């Protein structure tokens, strides 16, 4: 599982936000045990990204990225744990920081693109 804050243009469009913080699992790493019939899907036009939310309350449950990985938002993980984000789910890095809308002052590595690219030095 990877944990990070993504600043890519696709996440910005999918969530209508400056960045998206979440934890990533392989495609088969998520099993919905309750409320499967209530899950609604939205596919971002022209991209292989999908957002899934609860049709009853409107809460985002997870999304999938272009590689088919499941991304669960930190907000969902925090809510499921009584408002506390477990250290197991805290971000390890920033991704696609070159596309950022806002600067974030923290000690996490800031990759300009994916995890194999150069780091932001500023």
N, C-alpha and C. Protein backbone atom coordinates (compact mmCIF):
# COMPACT_ATOMS: atom_id res chain seq x y z
N UNK A 1 0.85 -1.18 0.00
CA UNK A 1 0.00 0.00 0.00
C UNK A 1 0.89 1.24 0.00
N UNK A 2 0.56 2.16 -0.86
CA UNK A 2 1.25 3.46 -0.89
C UNK A 2 0.33 4.51 -0.30
N UNK A 3 0.93 5.53 0.29
CA UNK A 3 0.13 6.61 0.88
C UNK A 3 0.76 7.93 0.45
N UNK A 4 -0.06 8.79 -0.13
CA UNK A 4 0.50 10.04 -0.59
C UNK A 4 -0.52 11.11 -0.84
N UNK A 5 0.01 12.26 -1.23
CA UNK A 5 -0.80 13.42 -1.60
C UNK A 5 -0.52 13.67 -3.07
N UNK A 6 -1.54 13.52 -3.89
CA UNK A 6 -1.38 13.64 -5.33
C UNK A 6 -1.85 15.01 -5.81
N UNK A 7 -0.99 15.64 -6.62
CA UNK A 7 -1.28 16.97 -7.16
C UNK A 7 -1.50 16.92 -8.66
N UNK A 8 -1.69 15.73 -9.24
CA UNK A 8 -1.80 15.62 -10.69
C UNK A 8 -3.09 16.29 -11.19
N UNK A 9 -3.08 16.66 -12.45
CA UNK A 9 -4.23 17.33 -13.04
C UNK A 9 -5.47 16.44 -13.03
N UNK A 10 -5.26 15.13 -13.16
CA UNK A 10 -6.40 14.21 -13.16
C UNK A 10 -7.08 14.17 -11.79
N UNK A 11 -6.31 14.09 -10.72
CA UNK A 11 -6.91 14.10 -9.37
C UNK A 11 -7.59 15.45 -9.11
N UNK A 12 -6.96 16.53 -9.56
CA UNK A 12 -7.58 17.84 -9.40
C UNK A 12 -8.95 17.87 -10.08
N UNK A 13 -9.04 17.29 -11.27
CA UNK A 13 -10.31 17.27 -12.01
C UNK A 13 -11.31 16.31 -11.37
N UNK A 14 -10.84 15.13 -10.96
CA UNK A 14 -11.74 14.12 -10.40
C UNK A 14 -12.36 14.57 -9.09
N UNK A 15 -11.58 15.27 -8.27
CA UNK A 15 -12.08 15.68 -6.96
C UNK A 15 -12.42 17.17 -6.88
N UNK A 16 -12.17 17.90 -7.97
CA UNK A 16 -12.41 19.34 -7.98
C UNK A 16 -11.73 19.98 -6.76
N UNK A 17 -10.47 19.62 -6.60
CA UNK A 17 -9.69 20.08 -5.44
C UNK A 17 -8.24 20.30 -5.87
N UNK A 18 -7.49 21.01 -5.05
CA UNK A 18 -6.09 21.29 -5.36
C UNK A 18 -5.22 20.04 -5.30
N UNK A 19 -5.58 19.09 -4.45
CA UNK A 19 -4.83 17.84 -4.33
C UNK A 19 -5.73 16.79 -3.70
N UNK A 20 -5.27 15.55 -3.72
CA UNK A 20 -6.02 14.45 -3.13
C UNK A 20 -5.08 13.62 -2.27
N UNK A 21 -5.43 13.43 -1.02
CA UNK A 21 -4.64 12.61 -0.10
C UNK A 21 -5.34 11.28 0.09
N UNK A 22 -4.59 10.20 -0.13
CA UNK A 22 -5.22 8.90 0.01
C UNK A 22 -4.22 7.77 0.15
N UNK A 23 -4.77 6.59 0.33
CA UNK A 23 -3.99 5.36 0.42
C UNK A 23 -4.38 4.48 -0.76
N UNK A 24 -3.39 3.85 -1.37
CA UNK A 24 -3.58 3.11 -2.62
C UNK A 24 -3.40 1.61 -2.38
N UNK A 25 -4.34 0.83 -2.90
CA UNK A 25 -4.28 -0.62 -2.84
C UNK A 25 -4.38 -1.19 -4.24
N UNK A 26 -3.92 -2.42 -4.42
CA UNK A 26 -4.12 -3.09 -5.71
C UNK A 26 -5.61 -3.24 -6.00
N UNK A 27 -5.94 -3.44 -7.25
CA UNK A 27 -7.33 -3.54 -7.71
C UNK A 27 -8.15 -4.52 -6.89
N UNK A 28 -7.59 -5.64 -6.52
CA UNK A 28 -8.34 -6.64 -5.76
C UNK A 28 -8.17 -6.47 -4.25
N UNK A 29 -7.64 -5.32 -3.81
CA UNK A 29 -7.36 -5.09 -2.40
C UNK A 29 -8.51 -4.51 -1.61
N UNK A 30 -9.67 -4.33 -2.22
CA UNK A 30 -10.82 -3.74 -1.54
C UNK A 30 -12.03 -4.64 -1.70
N UNK A 31 -12.70 -4.92 -0.59
CA UNK A 31 -13.95 -5.68 -0.62
C UNK A 31 -15.00 -4.86 0.11
N UNK A 32 -16.10 -4.60 -0.56
CA UNK A 32 -17.21 -3.87 0.07
C UNK A 32 -18.12 -4.92 0.70
N UNK A 33 -18.29 -4.82 2.02
CA UNK A 33 -19.06 -5.82 2.74
C UNK A 33 -20.49 -5.38 3.05
N UNK A 34 -20.75 -4.07 2.99
CA UNK A 34 -22.10 -3.55 3.27
C UNK A 34 -22.41 -2.42 2.29
N UNK A 35 -23.62 -2.37 1.80
CA UNK A 35 -24.06 -1.25 0.98
C UNK A 35 -23.62 -1.27 -0.47
N UNK A 36 -23.19 -2.41 -0.98
CA UNK A 36 -22.73 -2.51 -2.37
C UNK A 36 -23.76 -1.95 -3.35
N UNK A 37 -25.04 -2.19 -3.10
CA UNK A 37 -26.10 -1.73 -4.00
C UNK A 37 -26.22 -0.21 -4.01
N UNK A 38 -25.71 0.46 -2.99
CA UNK A 38 -25.81 1.92 -2.89
C UNK A 38 -24.65 2.65 -3.56
N UNK A 39 -23.62 1.92 -3.96
CA UNK A 39 -22.43 2.55 -4.55
C UNK A 39 -22.75 3.05 -5.96
N UNK A 40 -22.45 4.32 -6.20
CA UNK A 40 -22.63 4.95 -7.51
C UNK A 40 -21.26 5.22 -8.11
N UNK A 41 -21.19 5.29 -9.44
CA UNK A 41 -19.91 5.48 -10.12
C UNK A 41 -19.96 6.69 -11.05
N UNK A 42 -18.86 7.41 -11.09
CA UNK A 42 -18.68 8.51 -12.04
C UNK A 42 -17.35 8.30 -12.74
N UNK A 43 -17.35 8.27 -14.07
CA UNK A 43 -16.12 8.16 -14.85
C UNK A 43 -15.76 9.53 -15.36
N UNK A 44 -14.53 9.94 -15.10
CA UNK A 44 -14.05 11.23 -15.60
C UNK A 44 -13.96 11.15 -17.11
N UNK A 45 -14.59 12.07 -17.84
CA UNK A 45 -14.54 12.03 -19.30
C UNK A 45 -13.10 12.05 -19.81
N UNK A 46 -12.83 11.24 -20.80
CA UNK A 46 -11.53 11.20 -21.48
C UNK A 46 -10.38 10.68 -20.63
N UNK A 47 -10.66 10.13 -19.47
CA UNK A 47 -9.59 9.57 -18.63
C UNK A 47 -10.09 8.27 -18.01
N UNK A 48 -9.15 7.42 -17.65
CA UNK A 48 -9.51 6.15 -17.00
C UNK A 48 -9.53 6.31 -15.49
N UNK A 49 -10.27 7.27 -15.01
CA UNK A 49 -10.41 7.51 -13.58
C UNK A 49 -11.88 7.42 -13.22
N UNK A 50 -12.14 6.80 -12.10
CA UNK A 50 -13.52 6.67 -11.63
C UNK A 50 -13.60 7.05 -10.16
N UNK A 51 -14.70 7.66 -9.80
CA UNK A 51 -14.98 8.01 -8.40
C UNK A 51 -16.24 7.25 -8.00
N UNK A 52 -16.23 6.66 -6.82
CA UNK A 52 -17.36 5.88 -6.32
C UNK A 52 -17.84 6.53 -5.03
N UNK A 53 -19.14 6.68 -4.92
CA UNK A 53 -19.69 7.32 -3.73
C UNK A 53 -20.97 6.60 -3.31
N UNK A 54 -21.39 6.88 -2.08
CA UNK A 54 -22.60 6.29 -1.53
C UNK A 54 -23.80 7.05 -2.08
N UNK A 55 -24.71 6.34 -2.72
CA UNK A 55 -25.91 6.95 -3.29
C UNK A 55 -26.89 7.43 -2.23
N UNK A 56 -26.74 6.96 -0.99
CA UNK A 56 -27.64 7.40 0.09
C UNK A 56 -27.17 8.69 0.75
N UNK A 57 -25.86 8.77 1.07
CA UNK A 57 -25.38 9.94 1.81
C UNK A 57 -24.48 10.85 0.97
N UNK A 58 -24.01 10.39 -0.18
CA UNK A 58 -23.18 11.19 -1.05
C UNK A 58 -21.70 11.17 -0.73
N UNK A 59 -21.28 10.46 0.30
CA UNK A 59 -19.87 10.42 0.69
C UNK A 59 -19.04 9.66 -0.33
N UNK A 60 -17.87 10.20 -0.67
CA UNK A 60 -16.95 9.49 -1.55
C UNK A 60 -16.40 8.30 -0.78
N UNK A 61 -16.47 7.13 -1.41
CA UNK A 61 -15.99 5.91 -0.76
C UNK A 61 -14.56 5.61 -1.22
N UNK A 62 -14.33 5.67 -2.54
CA UNK A 62 -12.99 5.44 -3.09
C UNK A 62 -12.99 5.88 -4.55
N UNK A 63 -11.81 5.84 -5.15
CA UNK A 63 -11.73 6.04 -6.59
C UNK A 63 -10.76 5.01 -7.16
N UNK A 64 -10.73 4.89 -8.46
CA UNK A 64 -9.73 4.06 -9.11
C UNK A 64 -8.95 4.95 -10.07
N UNK A 65 -7.65 4.64 -10.19
CA UNK A 65 -6.81 5.44 -11.08
C UNK A 65 -6.62 4.71 -12.40
N UNK A 66 -5.81 5.29 -13.27
CA UNK A 66 -5.65 4.74 -14.62
C UNK A 66 -4.99 3.37 -14.62
N UNK A 67 -4.34 2.98 -13.53
CA UNK A 67 -3.72 1.66 -13.43
C UNK A 67 -4.66 0.63 -12.81
N UNK A 68 -5.87 1.07 -12.42
CA UNK A 68 -6.83 0.17 -11.80
C UNK A 68 -6.68 0.07 -10.30
N UNK A 69 -5.71 0.81 -9.71
CA UNK A 69 -5.54 0.78 -8.27
C UNK A 69 -6.71 1.46 -7.57
N UNK A 70 -7.02 0.99 -6.39
CA UNK A 70 -8.08 1.57 -5.56
C UNK A 70 -7.44 2.61 -4.65
N UNK A 71 -8.02 3.81 -4.63
CA UNK A 71 -7.50 4.90 -3.81
C UNK A 71 -8.60 5.31 -2.82
N UNK A 72 -8.31 5.14 -1.54
CA UNK A 72 -9.28 5.51 -0.50
C UNK A 72 -8.83 6.84 0.10
N UNK A 73 -9.71 7.85 0.07
CA UNK A 73 -9.33 9.16 0.60
C UNK A 73 -9.01 9.11 2.09
N UNK A 74 -8.04 9.93 2.49
CA UNK A 74 -7.71 10.02 3.91
C UNK A 74 -8.93 10.40 4.74
N UNK A 75 -9.77 11.26 4.20
CA UNK A 75 -10.97 11.67 4.95
C UNK A 75 -11.85 10.47 5.27
N UNK A 76 -11.97 9.54 4.34
CA UNK A 76 -12.79 8.33 4.56
C UNK A 76 -12.13 7.46 5.63
N UNK A 77 -10.81 7.29 5.55
CA UNK A 77 -10.09 6.47 6.53
C UNK A 77 -10.19 7.09 7.92
N UNK A 78 -10.10 8.41 7.97
CA UNK A 78 -10.21 9.12 9.25
C UNK A 78 -11.60 8.94 9.84
N UNK A 79 -12.62 9.10 9.02
CA UNK A 79 -14.00 8.98 9.50
C UNK A 79 -14.28 7.57 10.01
N UNK A 80 -13.74 6.58 9.32
CA UNK A 80 -13.96 5.19 9.72
C UNK A 80 -13.24 4.85 11.03
N UNK A 81 -12.32 5.71 11.44
CA UNK A 81 -11.54 5.45 12.65
C UNK A 81 -11.82 6.50 13.73
N UNK A 82 -13.06 6.96 13.81
CA UNK A 82 -13.46 7.89 14.87
C UNK A 82 -12.81 9.26 14.78
N UNK A 83 -12.46 9.70 13.58
CA UNK A 83 -11.87 11.02 13.39
C UNK A 83 -10.36 11.06 13.51
N UNK A 84 -9.76 9.90 13.71
CA UNK A 84 -8.30 9.83 13.86
C UNK A 84 -7.72 9.11 12.65
N UNK A 85 -6.66 9.69 12.08
CA UNK A 85 -5.97 9.03 10.98
C UNK A 85 -4.85 8.18 11.56
N UNK A 86 -4.97 6.89 11.41
CA UNK A 86 -3.96 5.97 11.92
C UNK A 86 -2.61 6.27 11.27
N UNK A 87 -1.52 6.13 12.03
CA UNK A 87 -0.19 6.31 11.43
C UNK A 87 0.05 5.40 10.23
N UNK A 88 -0.67 4.28 10.17
CA UNK A 88 -0.54 3.37 9.03
C UNK A 88 -1.03 3.99 7.72
N UNK A 89 -1.79 5.08 7.81
CA UNK A 89 -2.37 5.70 6.62
C UNK A 89 -1.87 7.12 6.37
N UNK A 90 -0.95 7.61 7.16
CA UNK A 90 -0.46 8.97 6.95
C UNK A 90 0.36 9.02 5.66
N UNK A 91 0.35 10.16 4.97
CA UNK A 91 1.08 10.27 3.70
C UNK A 91 2.58 10.09 3.87
N UNK A 92 3.18 9.50 2.85
CA UNK A 92 4.62 9.29 2.81
C UNK A 92 5.31 10.23 1.84
N UNK A 93 4.54 10.85 0.92
CA UNK A 93 5.14 11.64 -0.15
C UNK A 93 4.09 12.49 -0.85
N UNK A 94 4.57 13.42 -1.64
CA UNK A 94 3.74 14.17 -2.59
C UNK A 94 4.08 13.65 -3.98
N UNK A 95 3.07 13.53 -4.82
CA UNK A 95 3.27 13.10 -6.20
C UNK A 95 2.82 14.20 -7.15
N UNK A 96 3.47 14.31 -8.29
CA UNK A 96 3.13 15.29 -9.32
C UNK A 96 3.11 16.71 -8.76
N UNK A 97 4.10 16.99 -7.92
CA UNK A 97 4.18 18.30 -7.28
C UNK A 97 4.40 19.42 -8.30
N UNK A 98 4.90 19.10 -9.46
CA UNK A 98 5.08 20.10 -10.51
C UNK A 98 3.73 20.68 -10.95
N UNK A 99 2.63 19.95 -10.74
CA UNK A 99 1.29 20.40 -11.12
C UNK A 99 0.54 21.04 -9.96
N UNK A 100 1.21 21.28 -8.86
CA UNK A 100 0.54 21.77 -7.66
C UNK A 100 -0.12 23.13 -7.91
N UNK A 101 -1.18 23.36 -7.16
CA UNK A 101 -1.88 24.64 -7.15
C UNK A 101 -1.45 25.44 -5.93
N UNK A 102 -1.15 24.74 -4.86
CA UNK A 102 -0.70 25.38 -3.62
C UNK A 102 0.61 24.73 -3.17
N UNK A 103 1.45 25.51 -2.53
CA UNK A 103 2.66 24.97 -1.92
C UNK A 103 2.28 24.40 -0.56
N UNK A 104 2.88 23.29 -0.21
CA UNK A 104 2.64 22.68 1.09
C UNK A 104 3.97 22.59 1.82
N UNK A 105 4.03 23.18 2.99
CA UNK A 105 5.24 23.22 3.78
C UNK A 105 5.24 22.06 4.76
N UNK A 106 5.83 20.96 4.37
CA UNK A 106 5.99 19.80 5.24
C UNK A 106 7.32 19.13 4.91
N UNK A 107 7.65 18.09 5.62
CA UNK A 107 8.93 17.42 5.43
C UNK A 107 8.86 16.21 4.50
N UNK A 108 7.71 15.98 3.86
CA UNK A 108 7.56 14.84 2.96
C UNK A 108 8.32 15.08 1.67
N UNK A 109 8.87 14.02 1.06
CA UNK A 109 9.49 14.20 -0.26
C UNK A 109 8.42 14.64 -1.27
N UNK A 110 8.82 15.53 -2.16
CA UNK A 110 7.89 16.07 -3.16
C UNK A 110 8.41 15.71 -4.54
N UNK A 111 7.84 14.65 -5.11
CA UNK A 111 8.24 14.20 -6.44
C UNK A 111 7.56 15.08 -7.48
N UNK A 112 8.33 15.58 -8.43
CA UNK A 112 7.76 16.45 -9.46
C UNK A 112 6.78 15.70 -10.35
N UNK A 113 7.01 14.42 -10.56
CA UNK A 113 6.09 13.58 -11.33
C UNK A 113 5.79 12.34 -10.48
N UNK A 114 5.98 11.15 -11.06
CA UNK A 114 5.77 9.93 -10.30
C UNK A 114 6.92 9.69 -9.34
N UNK A 115 6.88 8.58 -8.63
CA UNK A 115 7.88 8.30 -7.60
C UNK A 115 9.27 8.04 -8.15
N UNK A 116 9.39 7.86 -9.45
CA UNK A 116 10.72 7.60 -10.01
C UNK A 116 11.33 8.85 -10.64
N UNK A 117 10.67 9.98 -10.49
CA UNK A 117 11.17 11.21 -11.09
C UNK A 117 11.99 12.04 -10.12
N UNK A 118 12.41 13.22 -10.56
CA UNK A 118 13.20 14.09 -9.69
C UNK A 118 12.35 14.69 -8.57
N UNK A 119 13.02 15.11 -7.52
CA UNK A 119 12.37 15.73 -6.38
C UNK A 119 12.34 17.25 -6.53
N UNK A 120 11.34 17.86 -5.94
CA UNK A 120 11.23 19.33 -5.88
C UNK A 120 12.32 19.82 -4.94
N UNK A 121 13.02 20.84 -5.36
CA UNK A 121 14.05 21.44 -4.52
C UNK A 121 13.78 22.93 -4.44
N UNK A 122 13.01 23.33 -3.48
CA UNK A 122 12.67 24.75 -3.39
C UNK A 122 12.52 25.18 -2.05
